[in-house]
């Protein structure tokens, strides 16, 4: 059974005089208790000092740095860790990046938290923390775990704000925070972040930027232009999104319809209208809104628009239209598991269970933890 808290896997002991973690490590105090990571097989109340390993102490320190930020001995523990393992920061960063890339979310989060606890002032670590929570929120939202996604978005925003409010200006923090707020449909804050990013990069020399730097500047400029041309920083648009996403769809629809009256060719607005209507199960009207979104400039470049349209087409009996929309979505985003799952549901509506099973299995190949595909396959097995 897993402990209720990661700190339950740690106990504190006072080491005897002369105990050292490595030949070059600092002399440890016998008065300050050290955190020790329990061995998996260790029974409660059983501890033999002769069996204690330096790795248990270092692991215990990392756990405390990650999860016990109020501990009065944190600076002492940091010093122990840094002297015993001088390259620990780079080791942890490489491990965290690898685990994140492999979507081993739980372990990656534990490593990032420990790394941040080791050096809370390191701006590169704080930015990576923001990016990690941002990315994990996207993963939860992709799997329709919206409450978890919102919680991780909230954590990401805290780290972004920490950087944006810092006296030490970090250009990449403004760049990435801009796309974070863009995702949240908070176009006013997104615009402010991109403006700040471009201002900070205005004096950068071309030879110092490299291809990546030039790409980011161009992308920030293009995004700002879209926000400006579509009037997306309008308060009414943001209010409509907040109302709809918080479950007040009827009020949000009033706001977005008023926005559309003044901005009739903004695809994002038609998408938001369709989203609100679809949440209220007004599928015929929602379908018309998503079709209108695809007709506007930029609207046909969004896999989400095609996917949402397909849902409405399925609900209104237009299965051929849903097939076309889902294929369009898949062409835009080939690994989008929501789209592939919907192709599975479309196959079920057409009575083709074998084809549906293949789509759901493809989803699990991409994301083994996808709850929708797993649940549907289990249901199909029970009904077989």
Protein backbone atom coordinates (compact mmCIF):
# COMPACT_ATOMS: atom_id res chain seq x y z
CA UNK A 1 0.00 0.00 0.00
CA UNK A 2 1.35 3.42 -0.94
CA UNK A 3 1.80 5.98 1.85
CA UNK A 4 -0.86 8.64 2.19
CA UNK A 5 1.84 11.30 1.79
CA UNK A 6 5.35 11.08 0.32
CA UNK A 7 6.65 12.26 3.69
CA UNK A 8 5.25 9.10 5.28
CA UNK A 9 8.06 7.23 3.54
CA UNK A 10 10.66 9.22 5.47
CA UNK A 11 11.74 9.05 9.09
CA UNK A 12 14.24 11.27 10.93
CA UNK A 13 17.26 10.07 12.85
CA UNK A 14 20.28 11.60 14.57
CA UNK A 15 23.46 10.13 13.17
CA UNK A 16 26.42 9.12 15.32
CA UNK A 17 29.56 11.23 15.38
CA UNK A 18 31.83 10.63 12.39
CA UNK A 19 29.17 9.37 9.95
CA UNK A 20 29.86 10.73 6.44
CA UNK A 21 27.91 10.41 3.19
CA UNK A 22 31.07 10.36 1.07
CA UNK A 23 34.81 10.84 1.59
CA UNK A 24 34.53 14.49 0.47
CA UNK A 25 31.23 15.34 2.12
CA UNK A 26 30.89 17.78 4.99
CA UNK A 27 30.95 16.68 8.59
CA UNK A 28 27.38 16.03 9.70
CA UNK A 29 25.89 17.36 12.88
CA UNK A 30 24.82 14.78 15.42
CA UNK A 31 22.23 17.22 16.79
CA UNK A 32 20.16 17.87 13.66
CA UNK A 33 17.97 14.93 12.62
CA UNK A 34 18.42 13.73 9.05
CA UNK A 35 15.60 12.45 6.84
CA UNK A 36 16.06 8.84 5.79
CA UNK A 37 14.10 7.15 3.01
CA UNK A 38 12.64 3.86 4.19
CA UNK A 39 13.52 0.77 2.25
CA UNK A 40 10.58 -0.86 0.48
CA UNK A 41 10.84 -3.99 2.57
CA UNK A 42 11.50 -2.22 5.86
CA UNK A 43 9.00 -2.96 8.61
CA UNK A 44 7.55 -0.30 10.85
CA UNK A 45 9.75 0.37 13.87
CA UNK A 46 12.66 -1.67 12.51
CA UNK A 47 15.88 0.21 11.84
CA UNK A 48 19.49 -0.93 11.96
CA UNK A 49 22.11 1.83 11.75
CA UNK A 50 24.58 -0.70 10.32
CA UNK A 51 22.33 -1.12 7.26
CA UNK A 52 21.93 2.62 6.61
CA UNK A 53 23.18 3.68 3.18
CA UNK A 54 24.13 7.19 2.00
CA UNK A 55 21.52 6.82 -0.77
CA UNK A 56 18.77 6.52 1.86
CA UNK A 57 19.82 9.83 3.41
CA UNK A 58 20.13 11.61 0.04
CA UNK A 59 16.74 10.28 -1.08
CA UNK A 60 15.22 11.34 2.23
CA UNK A 61 16.61 14.86 1.79
CA UNK A 62 15.18 15.08 -1.73
CA UNK A 63 11.75 14.03 -0.45
CA UNK A 64 11.84 16.70 2.25
CA UNK A 65 12.98 19.36 -0.23
CA UNK A 66 10.09 18.42 -2.50
CA UNK A 67 7.27 18.16 0.02
CA UNK A 68 8.22 19.89 3.29
CA UNK A 69 9.02 23.51 2.43
CA UNK A 70 8.46 24.64 6.04
CA UNK A 71 11.18 22.42 7.48
CA UNK A 72 13.53 24.54 9.60
CA UNK A 73 16.64 22.66 8.44
CA UNK A 74 16.21 23.04 4.66
CA UNK A 75 19.38 25.10 4.15
CA UNK A 76 21.41 22.52 6.07
CA UNK A 77 19.94 19.70 3.98
CA UNK A 78 20.66 21.60 0.75
CA UNK A 79 24.28 22.06 1.79
CA UNK A 80 24.64 18.35 2.58
CA UNK A 81 23.19 17.34 -0.77
CA UNK A 82 25.25 19.81 -2.81
CA UNK A 83 28.52 18.80 -1.16
CA UNK A 84 27.84 15.07 -1.29
CA UNK A 85 26.68 15.22 -4.93
CA UNK A 86 28.12 18.38 -6.59
CA UNK A 87 26.41 17.63 -9.92
CA UNK A 88 23.01 16.86 -8.42
CA UNK A 89 21.18 19.79 -10.06
CA UNK A 90 22.10 18.82 -13.61
CA UNK A 91 21.42 15.13 -12.85
CA UNK A 92 17.95 15.90 -11.54
CA UNK A 93 17.16 18.28 -14.41
CA UNK A 94 18.12 15.69 -17.03
CA UNK A 95 16.04 13.03 -15.27
CA UNK A 96 13.03 15.34 -14.93
CA UNK A 97 13.15 16.33 -18.60
CA UNK A 98 13.40 12.69 -19.67
CA UNK A 99 10.49 11.61 -17.46
CA UNK A 100 8.39 14.53 -18.73
CA UNK A 101 9.17 13.65 -22.34
CA UNK A 102 8.10 10.06 -21.65
CA UNK A 103 4.93 11.33 -19.89
CA UNK A 104 5.89 9.60 -16.66
CA UNK A 105 4.04 12.40 -14.92
CA UNK A 106 4.13 11.28 -11.28
CA UNK A 107 7.87 10.67 -11.12
CA UNK A 108 8.63 13.74 -13.23
CA UNK A 109 6.65 15.94 -10.84
CA UNK A 110 8.44 14.49 -7.83
CA UNK A 111 11.83 15.23 -9.40
CA UNK A 112 10.85 18.77 -10.45
CA UNK A 113 9.59 19.53 -6.94
CA UNK A 114 12.81 18.23 -5.40
CA UNK A 115 14.87 20.27 -7.86
CA UNK A 116 12.91 23.41 -7.05
CA UNK A 117 13.29 22.70 -3.34
CA UNK A 118 17.04 22.34 -3.82
CA UNK A 119 17.35 25.79 -5.44
CA UNK A 120 14.12 27.83 -5.15
CA UNK A 121 15.72 30.94 -6.68
CA UNK A 122 16.93 29.35 -9.93
CA UNK A 123 14.84 31.01 -12.68
CA UNK A 124 15.48 28.23 -15.18
CA UNK A 125 14.05 25.69 -12.73
CA UNK A 126 11.01 27.89 -12.04
CA UNK A 127 10.35 28.24 -15.78
CA UNK A 128 10.63 24.49 -16.24
CA UNK A 129 8.21 23.98 -13.35
CA UNK A 130 5.70 26.28 -15.06
CA UNK A 131 6.12 24.47 -18.37
CA UNK A 132 5.75 21.08 -16.68
CA UNK A 133 2.50 21.96 -14.89
CA UNK A 134 1.23 23.62 -18.08
CA UNK A 135 1.98 20.47 -20.09
CA UNK A 136 0.49 18.15 -17.48
CA UNK A 137 -2.69 20.24 -17.42
CA UNK A 138 -2.96 19.80 -21.20
CA UNK A 139 -2.60 16.05 -20.78
CA UNK A 140 -5.40 15.93 -18.20
CA UNK A 141 -7.65 18.09 -20.37
CA UNK A 142 -6.99 15.84 -23.36
CA UNK A 143 -8.27 12.95 -21.26
CA UNK A 144 -11.37 14.91 -20.18
CA UNK A 145 -10.12 15.23 -16.57
CA UNK A 146 -11.08 18.86 -16.41
CA UNK A 147 -10.85 19.46 -12.65
CA UNK A 148 -7.32 18.06 -12.55
CA UNK A 149 -6.42 20.10 -15.61
CA UNK A 150 -7.66 23.30 -13.97
CA UNK A 151 -5.69 22.52 -10.81
CA UNK A 152 -2.45 22.04 -12.75
CA UNK A 153 -3.13 25.17 -14.82
CA UNK A 154 -3.46 27.06 -11.54
CA UNK A 155 -0.08 25.73 -10.38
CA UNK A 156 1.50 26.62 -13.73
CA UNK A 157 0.16 30.16 -13.49
CA UNK A 158 1.70 30.60 -10.02
CA UNK A 159 5.15 29.73 -11.38
CA UNK A 160 4.68 31.94 -14.45
CA UNK A 161 3.62 34.87 -12.22
CA UNK A 162 6.64 34.28 -10.00
CA UNK A 163 8.84 34.83 -13.05
CA UNK A 164 6.85 37.69 -14.56
CA UNK A 165 6.99 39.60 -11.25
CA UNK A 166 10.69 38.92 -10.73
CA UNK A 167 13.24 41.73 -10.79
CA UNK A 168 15.40 39.51 -13.01
CA UNK A 169 13.60 39.58 -16.37
CA UNK A 170 13.43 36.23 -18.12
CA UNK A 171 12.35 36.69 -21.79
CA UNK A 172 11.35 33.05 -22.29
CA UNK A 173 9.02 33.30 -19.29
CA UNK A 174 7.02 36.02 -21.07
CA UNK A 175 7.04 34.05 -24.34
CA UNK A 176 5.72 30.83 -22.77
CA UNK A 177 3.32 32.61 -20.43
CA UNK A 178 1.87 34.31 -23.50
CA UNK A 179 0.88 30.96 -24.95
CA UNK A 180 -0.37 29.80 -21.57
CA UNK A 181 -2.79 32.75 -21.42
CA UNK A 182 -3.63 32.21 -25.07
CA UNK A 183 -4.73 28.67 -24.18
CA UNK A 184 -6.85 30.10 -21.36
CA UNK A 185 -8.46 32.54 -23.81
CA UNK A 186 -7.11 35.38 -21.67
CA UNK A 187 -6.00 37.40 -24.67
CA UNK A 188 -5.36 40.60 -22.73
CA UNK A 189 -2.69 38.99 -20.54
CA UNK A 190 -1.37 37.04 -23.54
CA UNK A 191 -0.89 40.31 -25.43
CA UNK A 192 0.88 41.89 -22.47
CA UNK A 193 3.27 38.93 -22.25
CA UNK A 194 4.11 38.97 -25.96
CA UNK A 195 4.58 42.76 -25.89
CA UNK A 196 7.00 42.38 -22.97
CA UNK A 197 8.85 39.53 -24.68
CA UNK A 198 9.39 41.56 -27.86
CA UNK A 199 10.49 44.58 -25.86
CA UNK A 200 13.06 42.49 -23.97
CA UNK A 201 14.35 41.01 -27.22
CA UNK A 202 14.44 44.28 -29.14
CA UNK A 203 18.15 44.86 -28.50
CA UNK A 204 19.21 41.26 -29.13
CA UNK A 205 21.78 40.88 -31.89
CA UNK A 206 20.83 38.71 -34.84
CA UNK A 207 23.94 36.56 -34.47
CA UNK A 208 23.02 35.82 -30.84
CA UNK A 209 19.42 34.84 -31.56
CA UNK A 210 19.95 31.78 -33.72
CA UNK A 211 17.15 30.12 -35.65
CA UNK A 212 15.11 29.36 -32.52
CA UNK A 213 15.30 32.95 -31.30
CA UNK A 214 14.27 34.34 -34.68
CA UNK A 215 11.39 31.83 -34.84
CA UNK A 216 10.08 32.84 -31.41
CA UNK A 217 10.20 36.55 -32.21
CA UNK A 218 8.34 35.98 -35.47
CA UNK A 219 5.75 33.80 -33.76
CA UNK A 220 5.18 36.36 -31.01
CA UNK A 221 4.72 39.11 -33.62
CA UNK A 222 2.27 36.99 -35.64
CA UNK A 223 0.26 36.10 -32.54
CA UNK A 224 0.05 39.73 -31.48
CA UNK A 225 -1.17 40.66 -34.93
CA UNK A 226 -3.93 38.04 -34.76
CA UNK A 227 -5.03 39.22 -31.30
CA UNK A 228 -5.18 42.79 -32.56
CA UNK A 229 -6.90 42.07 -35.88
CA UNK A 230 -9.56 39.87 -34.26
CA UNK A 231 -10.11 42.18 -31.31
CA UNK A 232 -9.55 39.22 -29.00
CA UNK A 233 -8.36 41.28 -26.08
CA UNK A 234 -11.90 42.62 -25.86
CA UNK A 235 -13.16 42.13 -22.30
CA UNK A 236 -16.49 40.76 -23.55
CA UNK A 237 -14.76 37.83 -25.28
CA UNK A 238 -12.81 36.88 -22.15
CA UNK A 239 -15.92 37.23 -19.99
CA UNK A 240 -17.85 34.93 -22.34
CA UNK A 241 -15.13 32.28 -22.09
CA UNK A 242 -15.00 32.51 -18.30
CA UNK A 243 -18.78 32.17 -18.01
CA UNK A 244 -19.04 29.20 -20.37
CA UNK A 245 -16.07 27.34 -18.89
CA UNK A 246 -17.43 27.81 -15.37
CA UNK A 247 -20.81 26.28 -16.23
CA UNK A 248 -22.78 29.50 -16.82
CA UNK A 249 -23.28 28.77 -20.51
CA UNK A 250 -26.47 30.79 -20.97
CA UNK A 251 -24.84 33.99 -19.65
CA UNK A 252 -21.70 33.31 -21.67
CA UNK A 253 -23.71 32.87 -24.87
CA UNK A 254 -25.26 36.29 -24.38
CA UNK A 255 -21.79 37.85 -24.13
CA UNK A 256 -20.30 36.03 -27.11
CA UNK A 257 -23.29 36.85 -29.33
CA UNK A 258 -22.82 40.53 -28.49
CA UNK A 259 -19.14 40.22 -29.37
CA UNK A 260 -19.99 38.56 -32.70
CA UNK A 261 -22.32 41.44 -33.59
CA UNK A 262 -19.27 43.73 -33.67
CA UNK A 263 -16.77 41.09 -34.84
CA UNK A 264 -18.61 38.78 -37.27
CA UNK A 265 -15.56 37.23 -38.97
CA UNK A 266 -13.59 36.12 -35.89
CA UNK A 267 -13.42 32.33 -35.96
CA UNK A 268 -12.56 32.10 -32.26
CA UNK A 269 -15.86 33.79 -31.40
CA UNK A 270 -17.90 31.39 -33.52
CA UNK A 271 -16.01 28.49 -31.95
CA UNK A 272 -16.81 29.79 -28.46
CA UNK A 273 -20.48 30.16 -29.44
CA UNK A 274 -20.52 26.59 -30.76
CA UNK A 275 -18.77 25.29 -27.64
CA UNK A 276 -21.33 26.88 -25.34
CA UNK A 277 -24.24 25.57 -27.41
CA UNK A 278 -22.73 22.09 -27.58
CA UNK A 279 -22.35 22.02 -23.79
CA UNK A 280 -26.07 22.81 -23.58
CA UNK A 281 -26.72 19.96 -26.07
CA UNK A 282 -28.14 22.36 -28.65
CA UNK A 283 -26.34 20.41 -31.34
CA UNK A 284 -28.01 21.77 -34.47
CA UNK A 285 -27.21 25.39 -33.56
CA UNK A 286 -23.74 24.42 -32.36
CA UNK A 287 -23.06 22.70 -35.67
CA UNK A 288 -23.92 25.89 -37.56
CA UNK A 289 -21.59 27.90 -35.31
CA UNK A 290 -18.66 25.52 -35.85
CA UNK A 291 -19.28 25.54 -39.60
CA UNK A 292 -19.19 29.33 -39.50
CA UNK A 293 -15.93 29.18 -37.53
CA UNK A 294 -14.37 27.04 -40.28
CA UNK A 295 -15.44 29.57 -42.90
CA UNK A 296 -13.59 32.42 -41.15
CA UNK A 297 -9.89 33.07 -41.66
CA UNK A 298 -7.82 30.74 -39.48
CA UNK A 299 -10.78 28.63 -38.40
CA UNK A 300 -10.01 25.77 -40.73
CA UNK A 301 -6.56 25.39 -39.20
CA UNK A 302 -7.90 24.14 -35.86
CA UNK A 303 -8.26 20.42 -35.17
CA UNK A 304 -10.48 21.28 -32.19
CA UNK A 305 -12.96 23.08 -34.45
CA UNK A 306 -13.19 20.09 -36.79
CA UNK A 307 -13.55 17.71 -33.84
CA UNK A 308 -16.29 19.76 -32.17
CA UNK A 309 -18.15 20.04 -35.46
CA UNK A 310 -17.94 16.27 -35.88
CA UNK A 311 -19.50 15.71 -32.45
CA UNK A 312 -22.46 17.89 -33.41
CA UNK A 313 -22.75 16.18 -36.78
CA UNK A 314 -22.89 12.79 -35.08
CA UNK A 315 -25.54 13.99 -32.67
CA UNK A 316 -27.68 15.34 -35.52
CA UNK A 317 -27.33 12.19 -37.63
CA UNK A 318 -24.91 13.53 -40.23
CA UNK A 319 -22.48 10.62 -40.00
CA UNK A 320 -20.85 11.22 -43.39
CA UNK A 321 -20.21 14.83 -42.47
CA UNK A 322 -18.76 13.74 -39.12
CA UNK A 323 -16.39 11.37 -40.93
CA UNK A 324 -15.13 14.17 -43.17
CA UNK A 325 -14.67 16.54 -40.23
CA UNK A 326 -12.76 13.96 -38.17
CA UNK A 327 -10.46 13.13 -41.09
CA UNK A 328 -9.79 16.86 -41.51
CA UNK A 329 -8.99 17.07 -37.78
CA UNK A 330 -6.68 14.07 -37.98
CA UNK A 331 -4.81 15.61 -40.91
CA UNK A 332 -4.21 18.69 -38.77
CA UNK A 333 -3.23 16.74 -35.64
CA UNK A 334 -2.46 13.04 -36.38
CA UNK A 335 -1.90 12.02 -32.73
CA UNK A 336 -4.95 13.77 -31.28
CA UNK A 337 -6.50 11.05 -29.10
CA UNK A 338 -9.83 12.88 -28.79
CA UNK A 339 -10.23 12.79 -32.56
CA UNK A 340 -9.23 9.13 -32.80
CA UNK A 341 -11.66 8.23 -29.99
CA UNK A 342 -14.44 10.03 -31.81
CA UNK A 343 -13.66 8.03 -34.93
CA UNK A 344 -14.21 5.00 -32.71
CA UNK A 345 -17.56 6.30 -31.49
CA UNK A 346 -18.53 7.09 -35.08
CA UNK A 347 -17.73 3.50 -36.05
CA UNK A 348 -19.95 2.28 -33.22
CA UNK A 349 -22.80 4.45 -34.49
CA UNK A 350 -22.37 2.77 -37.86
CA UNK A 351 -22.39 -0.67 -36.24
CA UNK A 352 -18.77 -1.47 -37.04
CA UNK A 353 -17.46 -2.67 -33.66
CA UNK A 354 -14.26 -4.18 -35.02
CA UNK A 355 -13.23 -0.87 -36.60
CA UNK A 356 -14.19 0.96 -33.41
CA UNK A 357 -12.04 -1.39 -31.34
CA UNK A 358 -9.04 -0.63 -33.58
CA UNK A 359 -9.48 3.11 -33.08
CA UNK A 360 -9.69 2.78 -29.28
CA UNK A 361 -6.64 0.51 -29.24
CA UNK A 362 -4.76 3.08 -31.32
CA UNK A 363 -5.59 5.69 -28.68
CA UNK A 364 -4.12 3.45 -25.98
CA UNK A 365 -1.01 2.91 -28.10
CA UNK A 366 -0.52 6.68 -28.08
CA UNK A 367 -1.61 7.20 -24.48
CA UNK A 368 -1.85 4.00 -22.40
CA UNK A 369 -3.57 5.94 -19.61
CA UNK A 370 -6.39 7.37 -21.74
CA UNK A 371 -9.51 6.75 -19.61
CA UNK A 372 -12.09 7.15 -22.39
CA UNK A 373 -10.63 4.51 -24.71
CA UNK A 374 -9.90 2.11 -21.85
CA UNK A 375 -13.44 2.40 -20.48
CA UNK A 376 -15.00 1.94 -23.90
CA UNK A 377 -12.95 -1.16 -24.69
CA UNK A 378 -13.89 -2.64 -21.31
CA UNK A 379 -17.55 -1.89 -21.98
CA UNK A 380 -17.34 -3.55 -25.40
CA UNK A 381 -15.77 -6.65 -23.86
CA UNK A 382 -18.54 -6.91 -21.25
CA UNK A 383 -21.23 -6.52 -23.89
CA UNK A 384 -19.65 -9.03 -26.29
